[in-house]
C-alpha atoms as a PDB file:
ATOM      1  CA  UNK A   1     -24.602 -37.650 130.828  1.00  0.00           C
ATOM      2  CA  UNK A   2     -22.456 -40.208 129.001  1.00  0.00           C
ATOM      3  CA  UNK A   3     -23.248 -38.592 125.637  1.00  0.00           C
ATOM      4  CA  UNK A   4     -22.244 -35.157 126.903  1.00  0.00           C
ATOM      5  CA  UNK A   5     -18.930 -36.447 128.270  1.00  0.00           C
ATOM      6  CA  UNK A   6     -18.215 -38.239 125.002  1.00  0.00           C
ATOM      7  CA  UNK A   7     -19.079 -35.124 122.994  1.00  0.00           C
ATOM      8  CA  UNK A   8     -16.821 -32.967 125.192  1.00  0.00           C
ATOM      9  CA  UNK A   9     -14.002 -35.475 124.790  1.00  0.00           C
ATOM     10  CA  UNK A  10     -14.333 -35.424 120.997  1.00  0.00           C
ATOM     11  CA  UNK A  11     -14.396 -31.621 120.995  1.00  0.00           C
ATOM     12  CA  UNK A  12     -11.276 -31.468 123.163  1.00  0.00           C
ATOM     13  CA  UNK A  13      -9.490 -33.910 120.853  1.00  0.00           C
ATOM     14  CA  UNK A  14     -10.448 -31.840 117.810  1.00  0.00           C
ATOM     15  CA  UNK A  15      -9.182 -28.707 119.527  1.00  0.00           C
ATOM     16  CA  UNK A  16      -5.821 -30.342 120.238  1.00  0.00           C
ATOM     17  CA  UNK A  17      -5.506 -31.696 116.696  1.00  0.00           C
ATOM     18  CA  UNK A  18      -6.207 -28.224 115.292  1.00  0.00           C
ATOM     19  CA  UNK A  19      -3.378 -26.654 117.330  1.00  0.00           C
ATOM     20  CA  UNK A  20      -0.254 -27.071 115.172  1.00  0.00           C
ATOM     21  CA  UNK A  21       2.054 -25.593 117.815  1.00  0.00           C
ATOM     22  CA  UNK A  22       0.810 -28.034 120.443  1.00  0.00           C
ATOM     23  CA  UNK A  23       1.128 -31.017 118.098  1.00  0.00           C
ATOM     24  CA  UNK A  24       4.655 -29.969 117.122  1.00  0.00           C
ATOM     25  CA  UNK A  25       5.572 -29.823 120.815  1.00  0.00           C
ATOM     26  CA  UNK A  26       4.121 -33.266 121.459  1.00  0.00           C
ATOM     27  CA  UNK A  27       6.004 -34.717 118.484  1.00  0.00           C
ATOM     28  CA  UNK A  28       9.244 -33.075 119.655  1.00  0.00           C
ATOM     29  CA  UNK A  29       8.738 -34.550 123.119  1.00  0.00           C
ATOM     30  CA  UNK A  30       8.227 -38.016 121.670  1.00  0.00           C
ATOM     31  CA  UNK A  31      11.362 -37.611 119.536  1.00  0.00           C
ATOM     32  CA  UNK A  32      13.310 -36.468 122.619  1.00  0.00           C
ATOM     33  CA  UNK A  33      12.176 -39.546 124.549  1.00  0.00           C
ATOM     34  CA  UNK A  34      13.150 -41.875 121.707  1.00  0.00           C
ATOM     35  CA  UNK A  35      16.578 -40.212 121.431  1.00  0.00           C
ATOM     36  CA  UNK A  36      17.167 -40.395 125.187  1.00  0.00           C
ATOM     37  CA  UNK A  37      17.105 -36.618 125.644  1.00  0.00           C
ATOM     38  CA  UNK A  38      15.231 -36.683 128.920  1.00  0.00           C
ATOM     39  CA  UNK A  39      15.849 -36.871 132.663  1.00  0.00           C
ATOM     40  CA  UNK A  40      14.118 -38.935 135.311  1.00  0.00           C
ATOM     41  CA  UNK A  41      11.516 -36.983 137.303  1.00  0.00           C
ATOM     42  CA  UNK A  42      13.337 -37.685 140.576  1.00  0.00           C
ATOM     43  CA  UNK A  43      16.465 -35.984 139.231  1.00  0.00           C
ATOM     44  CA  UNK A  44      14.543 -32.957 138.002  1.00  0.00           C
ATOM     45  CA  UNK A  45      12.615 -32.696 141.262  1.00  0.00           C
ATOM     46  CA  UNK A  46      15.851 -32.550 143.290  1.00  0.00           C
ATOM     47  CA  UNK A  47      17.044 -29.581 141.246  1.00  0.00           C
ATOM     48  CA  UNK A  48      13.865 -27.530 141.462  1.00  0.00           C
END
């Protein structure tokens, strides 16, 4: 069971790393956080 879970985890990681659009979005999100372009969840939740 442990082997299967590990194998599935590796496959999922490879799938994510192969998706350029997804990686670009993750990098943009990290850049936004570093630049302070984000809002606290509580503020967003109030406006939804």
